[in-house]
N, C-alpha and C. Protein backbone atom coordinates (compact mmCIF):
# COMPACT_ATOMS: atom_id res chain seq x y z
N VAL A 1 5.82 -12.78 -7.22
CA VAL A 1 6.51 -11.58 -7.56
C VAL A 1 7.69 -11.41 -6.65
N ASP A 2 8.83 -11.16 -7.28
CA ASP A 2 10.05 -10.91 -6.50
C ASP A 2 10.07 -9.48 -6.03
N LEU A 3 9.90 -9.33 -4.68
CA LEU A 3 9.81 -7.96 -4.13
C LEU A 3 11.00 -7.16 -4.34
N GLN A 4 12.22 -7.73 -4.22
CA GLN A 4 13.43 -7.05 -4.42
C GLN A 4 13.55 -6.55 -5.84
N LYS A 5 13.18 -7.35 -6.76
CA LYS A 5 13.26 -6.93 -8.15
C LYS A 5 12.24 -5.76 -8.41
N ALA A 6 11.04 -5.84 -7.88
CA ALA A 6 10.07 -4.79 -8.02
C ALA A 6 10.58 -3.51 -7.37
N GLU A 7 11.20 -3.61 -6.24
CA GLU A 7 11.73 -2.42 -5.56
C GLU A 7 12.92 -1.82 -6.38
N SER A 8 13.75 -2.70 -6.90
CA SER A 8 14.86 -2.26 -7.72
C SER A 8 14.39 -1.50 -8.93
N THR A 9 13.34 -2.06 -9.56
CA THR A 9 12.81 -1.41 -10.78
C THR A 9 12.24 -0.05 -10.42
N LEU A 10 11.49 0.05 -9.33
CA LEU A 10 10.95 1.32 -8.88
C LEU A 10 12.08 2.33 -8.65
N GLN A 11 13.12 1.92 -7.96
CA GLN A 11 14.23 2.83 -7.61
C GLN A 11 14.87 3.32 -8.95
N LYS A 12 15.07 2.41 -9.89
CA LYS A 12 15.64 2.84 -11.20
C LYS A 12 14.75 3.82 -11.91
N TRP A 13 13.46 3.55 -11.82
CA TRP A 13 12.46 4.46 -12.46
C TRP A 13 12.47 5.81 -11.80
N LYS A 14 12.52 5.86 -10.48
CA LYS A 14 12.60 7.13 -9.80
C LYS A 14 13.87 7.91 -10.13
N ALA A 15 15.02 7.17 -10.32
CA ALA A 15 16.29 7.85 -10.65
C ALA A 15 16.20 8.42 -12.07
N ILE A 16 15.58 7.71 -12.98
CA ILE A 16 15.41 8.19 -14.32
C ILE A 16 14.57 9.43 -14.35
N LYS A 17 13.50 9.46 -13.51
CA LYS A 17 12.61 10.58 -13.48
C LYS A 17 13.12 11.67 -12.53
N LYS A 18 14.22 11.43 -11.85
CA LYS A 18 14.81 12.37 -10.96
C LYS A 18 13.87 12.76 -9.80
N GLY A 19 13.39 11.77 -9.11
CA GLY A 19 12.49 12.07 -7.93
C GLY A 19 11.27 11.23 -7.96
N GLU A 20 10.16 11.86 -7.53
CA GLU A 20 8.86 11.19 -7.44
C GLU A 20 8.35 10.73 -8.82
N VAL A 21 7.86 9.54 -8.83
CA VAL A 21 7.24 9.03 -10.03
C VAL A 21 5.85 9.58 -10.08
N VAL A 22 5.46 10.22 -11.21
CA VAL A 22 4.13 10.77 -11.35
C VAL A 22 3.33 9.87 -12.27
N TYR A 23 2.13 9.55 -11.78
CA TYR A 23 1.21 8.70 -12.54
C TYR A 23 0.12 9.55 -13.03
N THR A 24 -0.48 9.17 -14.20
CA THR A 24 -1.59 9.86 -14.73
C THR A 24 -2.84 9.39 -13.90
N ASP A 25 -3.95 10.00 -14.09
CA ASP A 25 -5.15 9.69 -13.37
C ASP A 25 -5.94 8.52 -14.02
N ARG A 26 -5.40 7.88 -15.04
CA ARG A 26 -6.03 6.80 -15.64
C ARG A 26 -6.11 5.60 -14.70
N LEU A 27 -7.15 4.84 -14.76
CA LEU A 27 -7.38 3.71 -13.76
C LEU A 27 -6.24 2.75 -13.78
N GLY A 28 -5.81 2.32 -15.03
CA GLY A 28 -4.74 1.37 -15.14
C GLY A 28 -3.48 1.85 -14.45
N SER A 29 -3.15 3.18 -14.64
CA SER A 29 -1.95 3.73 -14.04
C SER A 29 -2.10 3.80 -12.53
N ARG A 30 -3.27 4.12 -12.03
CA ARG A 30 -3.52 4.16 -10.58
C ARG A 30 -3.39 2.74 -9.99
N ILE A 31 -3.89 1.76 -10.64
CA ILE A 31 -3.80 0.43 -10.14
C ILE A 31 -2.34 -0.05 -10.11
N LEU A 32 -1.57 0.25 -11.17
CA LEU A 32 -0.20 -0.09 -11.18
C LEU A 32 0.57 0.62 -10.08
N ALA A 33 0.34 1.91 -9.92
CA ALA A 33 0.95 2.65 -8.87
C ALA A 33 0.61 2.11 -7.46
N ALA A 34 -0.62 1.76 -7.28
CA ALA A 34 -1.04 1.24 -5.99
C ALA A 34 -0.36 -0.15 -5.74
N GLN A 35 -0.25 -0.94 -6.82
CA GLN A 35 0.39 -2.24 -6.66
C GLN A 35 1.85 -2.11 -6.24
N ILE A 36 2.57 -1.09 -6.75
CA ILE A 36 3.94 -0.88 -6.39
C ILE A 36 4.01 -0.50 -4.93
N HIS A 37 3.12 0.39 -4.49
CA HIS A 37 3.09 0.74 -3.08
C HIS A 37 2.74 -0.44 -2.18
N PHE A 38 1.79 -1.25 -2.64
CA PHE A 38 1.38 -2.45 -1.87
C PHE A 38 2.57 -3.44 -1.71
N LEU A 39 3.30 -3.63 -2.79
CA LEU A 39 4.41 -4.54 -2.72
C LEU A 39 5.57 -3.97 -1.88
N SER A 40 5.78 -2.74 -1.95
CA SER A 40 6.75 -2.04 -1.06
C SER A 40 6.33 -2.19 0.40
N ALA A 41 5.03 -2.08 0.67
CA ALA A 41 4.53 -2.21 2.01
C ALA A 41 4.78 -3.63 2.48
N LEU A 42 4.49 -4.59 1.69
CA LEU A 42 4.67 -5.97 2.10
C LEU A 42 6.15 -6.26 2.44
N HIS A 43 7.01 -5.65 1.63
CA HIS A 43 8.51 -5.82 1.87
C HIS A 43 8.82 -5.18 3.22
N ALA A 44 8.37 -3.95 3.46
CA ALA A 44 8.64 -3.24 4.75
C ALA A 44 8.07 -4.05 5.88
N ALA A 45 6.85 -4.60 5.77
CA ALA A 45 6.27 -5.37 6.85
C ALA A 45 7.07 -6.62 7.12
N SER A 46 7.63 -7.22 6.10
CA SER A 46 8.43 -8.44 6.29
C SER A 46 9.71 -8.14 7.10
N GLN A 47 10.13 -6.86 7.09
CA GLN A 47 11.29 -6.40 7.82
C GLN A 47 10.90 -5.77 9.16
N ASN A 48 9.58 -5.83 9.49
CA ASN A 48 9.01 -5.25 10.72
C ASN A 48 9.18 -3.73 10.72
N HIS A 49 9.10 -3.09 9.59
CA HIS A 49 9.14 -1.64 9.44
C HIS A 49 7.72 -1.18 9.23
N TRP A 50 6.97 -1.20 10.30
CA TRP A 50 5.52 -0.97 10.21
C TRP A 50 5.14 0.42 9.86
N SER A 51 5.89 1.43 10.22
CA SER A 51 5.57 2.78 9.85
C SER A 51 5.76 3.01 8.34
N VAL A 52 6.81 2.41 7.81
CA VAL A 52 6.99 2.46 6.30
C VAL A 52 5.88 1.67 5.65
N ALA A 53 5.53 0.54 6.15
CA ALA A 53 4.46 -0.24 5.57
C ALA A 53 3.15 0.57 5.55
N ALA A 54 2.85 1.25 6.66
CA ALA A 54 1.66 2.04 6.71
C ALA A 54 1.65 3.12 5.75
N GLN A 55 2.81 3.84 5.60
CA GLN A 55 2.93 4.89 4.66
C GLN A 55 2.70 4.42 3.26
N GLU A 56 3.28 3.31 2.85
CA GLU A 56 3.10 2.76 1.57
C GLU A 56 1.67 2.38 1.32
N LEU A 57 1.09 1.78 2.31
CA LEU A 57 -0.33 1.35 2.13
C LEU A 57 -1.30 2.52 2.08
N GLU A 58 -0.98 3.61 2.78
CA GLU A 58 -1.77 4.79 2.62
C GLU A 58 -1.74 5.33 1.24
N GLN A 59 -0.59 5.21 0.57
CA GLN A 59 -0.51 5.64 -0.81
C GLN A 59 -1.23 4.73 -1.74
N ALA A 60 -1.21 3.38 -1.46
CA ALA A 60 -1.92 2.46 -2.28
C ALA A 60 -3.47 2.74 -2.14
N VAL A 61 -3.89 2.94 -0.90
CA VAL A 61 -5.34 3.18 -0.66
C VAL A 61 -5.79 4.48 -1.30
N LYS A 62 -4.95 5.48 -1.26
CA LYS A 62 -5.25 6.79 -1.86
C LYS A 62 -5.54 6.60 -3.37
N ARG A 63 -4.74 5.72 -4.03
CA ARG A 63 -4.86 5.54 -5.49
C ARG A 63 -5.98 4.58 -5.81
N THR A 64 -6.22 3.58 -4.98
CA THR A 64 -7.28 2.58 -5.26
C THR A 64 -8.07 2.32 -3.95
N PRO A 65 -8.95 3.29 -3.62
CA PRO A 65 -9.71 3.13 -2.37
C PRO A 65 -10.70 1.95 -2.35
N PHE A 66 -10.91 1.32 -3.55
CA PHE A 66 -11.80 0.21 -3.64
C PHE A 66 -11.08 -1.18 -3.42
N ASP A 67 -9.82 -1.11 -3.08
CA ASP A 67 -9.04 -2.32 -2.88
C ASP A 67 -9.11 -2.76 -1.41
N ALA A 68 -9.88 -3.80 -1.15
CA ALA A 68 -10.13 -4.30 0.19
C ALA A 68 -8.82 -4.89 0.83
N GLU A 69 -8.05 -5.52 0.01
CA GLU A 69 -6.81 -6.10 0.53
C GLU A 69 -5.82 -5.04 1.06
N SER A 70 -5.69 -3.96 0.32
CA SER A 70 -4.83 -2.86 0.77
C SER A 70 -5.39 -2.28 2.08
N GLN A 71 -6.71 -2.04 2.12
CA GLN A 71 -7.36 -1.52 3.32
C GLN A 71 -7.15 -2.49 4.54
N TYR A 72 -7.31 -3.78 4.31
CA TYR A 72 -7.15 -4.71 5.38
C TYR A 72 -5.68 -4.77 5.88
N THR A 73 -4.81 -4.77 4.94
CA THR A 73 -3.35 -4.79 5.32
C THR A 73 -2.96 -3.49 6.01
N LEU A 74 -3.55 -2.37 5.64
CA LEU A 74 -3.33 -1.12 6.32
C LEU A 74 -3.76 -1.22 7.77
N ALA A 75 -5.00 -1.84 7.95
CA ALA A 75 -5.46 -2.04 9.34
C ALA A 75 -4.50 -2.90 10.14
N LYS A 76 -3.94 -3.90 9.55
CA LYS A 76 -2.95 -4.73 10.27
C LYS A 76 -1.77 -3.93 10.65
N SER A 77 -1.30 -3.04 9.72
CA SER A 77 -0.12 -2.23 9.96
C SER A 77 -0.39 -1.22 11.14
N TYR A 78 -1.54 -0.61 11.02
CA TYR A 78 -1.95 0.36 12.16
C TYR A 78 -2.00 -0.37 13.47
N ASP A 79 -2.47 -1.56 13.43
CA ASP A 79 -2.62 -2.39 14.69
C ASP A 79 -1.18 -2.63 15.23
N MET A 80 -0.27 -2.96 14.40
CA MET A 80 1.13 -3.21 14.85
C MET A 80 1.77 -1.89 15.38
N LEU A 81 1.26 -0.78 14.91
CA LEU A 81 1.76 0.53 15.41
C LEU A 81 0.97 1.02 16.62
N LYS A 82 0.04 0.25 17.08
CA LYS A 82 -0.75 0.60 18.21
C LYS A 82 -1.69 1.79 17.94
N LYS A 83 -2.02 2.00 16.66
CA LYS A 83 -2.97 3.06 16.25
C LYS A 83 -4.35 2.40 16.08
N ARG A 84 -4.94 2.12 17.32
CA ARG A 84 -6.14 1.33 17.33
C ARG A 84 -7.36 1.95 16.54
N ARG A 85 -7.56 3.23 16.71
CA ARG A 85 -8.74 3.91 16.05
C ARG A 85 -8.50 3.88 14.49
N SER A 86 -7.30 4.14 14.05
CA SER A 86 -7.04 4.08 12.63
C SER A 86 -7.17 2.66 12.12
N ALA A 87 -6.74 1.70 12.89
CA ALA A 87 -6.89 0.32 12.51
C ALA A 87 -8.34 -0.09 12.35
N GLU A 88 -9.15 0.41 13.28
CA GLU A 88 -10.60 0.02 13.27
C GLU A 88 -11.24 0.69 12.03
N LYS A 89 -10.88 1.91 11.71
CA LYS A 89 -11.45 2.60 10.54
C LYS A 89 -11.09 1.86 9.22
N ALA A 90 -9.80 1.45 9.15
CA ALA A 90 -9.31 0.78 7.92
C ALA A 90 -10.00 -0.54 7.82
N LEU A 91 -10.17 -1.32 8.89
CA LEU A 91 -10.79 -2.58 8.87
C LEU A 91 -12.26 -2.46 8.50
N GLU A 92 -12.89 -1.41 9.07
CA GLU A 92 -14.32 -1.19 8.69
C GLU A 92 -14.49 -0.92 7.22
N LYS A 93 -13.57 -0.12 6.67
CA LYS A 93 -13.61 0.18 5.24
C LYS A 93 -13.38 -1.10 4.38
N ALA A 94 -12.41 -1.91 4.83
CA ALA A 94 -12.15 -3.17 4.13
C ALA A 94 -13.38 -4.06 4.12
N ARG A 95 -14.07 -4.12 5.17
CA ARG A 95 -15.28 -4.98 5.27
C ARG A 95 -16.42 -4.38 4.46
N GLU A 96 -16.45 -3.04 4.37
CA GLU A 96 -17.51 -2.41 3.50
C GLU A 96 -17.29 -2.85 2.05
N ILE A 97 -16.04 -2.93 1.69
CA ILE A 97 -15.68 -3.29 0.29
C ILE A 97 -15.85 -4.75 0.05
N ASN A 98 -15.44 -5.51 0.99
CA ASN A 98 -15.56 -7.00 0.87
C ASN A 98 -15.94 -7.59 2.20
N SER A 99 -17.17 -7.96 2.35
CA SER A 99 -17.71 -8.46 3.68
C SER A 99 -17.11 -9.85 4.03
N CYS A 100 -16.39 -10.46 3.12
CA CYS A 100 -15.80 -11.76 3.48
C CYS A 100 -14.49 -11.66 4.14
N LEU A 101 -13.97 -10.49 4.25
CA LEU A 101 -12.63 -10.32 4.93
C LEU A 101 -12.77 -10.56 6.43
N GLU A 102 -11.82 -11.22 6.99
CA GLU A 102 -11.75 -11.46 8.34
C GLU A 102 -10.38 -11.63 8.83
């Protein structure tokens, strides 16, 4: 997935909607919304913008709390921000969802 293209598409969508993109509560919509936040977080992390990455991952986890990869990546972001307790909680949650994560 081309992260810049995904980000560009999201920004265009936000411009059309004139602000925050609102998703319905349907599972498919929540998964799509979470994926957009997850990809935005990966892009921010690649630029060492850990606070932005954590914010995006918090949104992803809010929409899909069953996603172990988002939880795990959130834990890594918190760790980079020196938020040890938050990192431990997110890692614990990720392991609850998927015990194979390490």
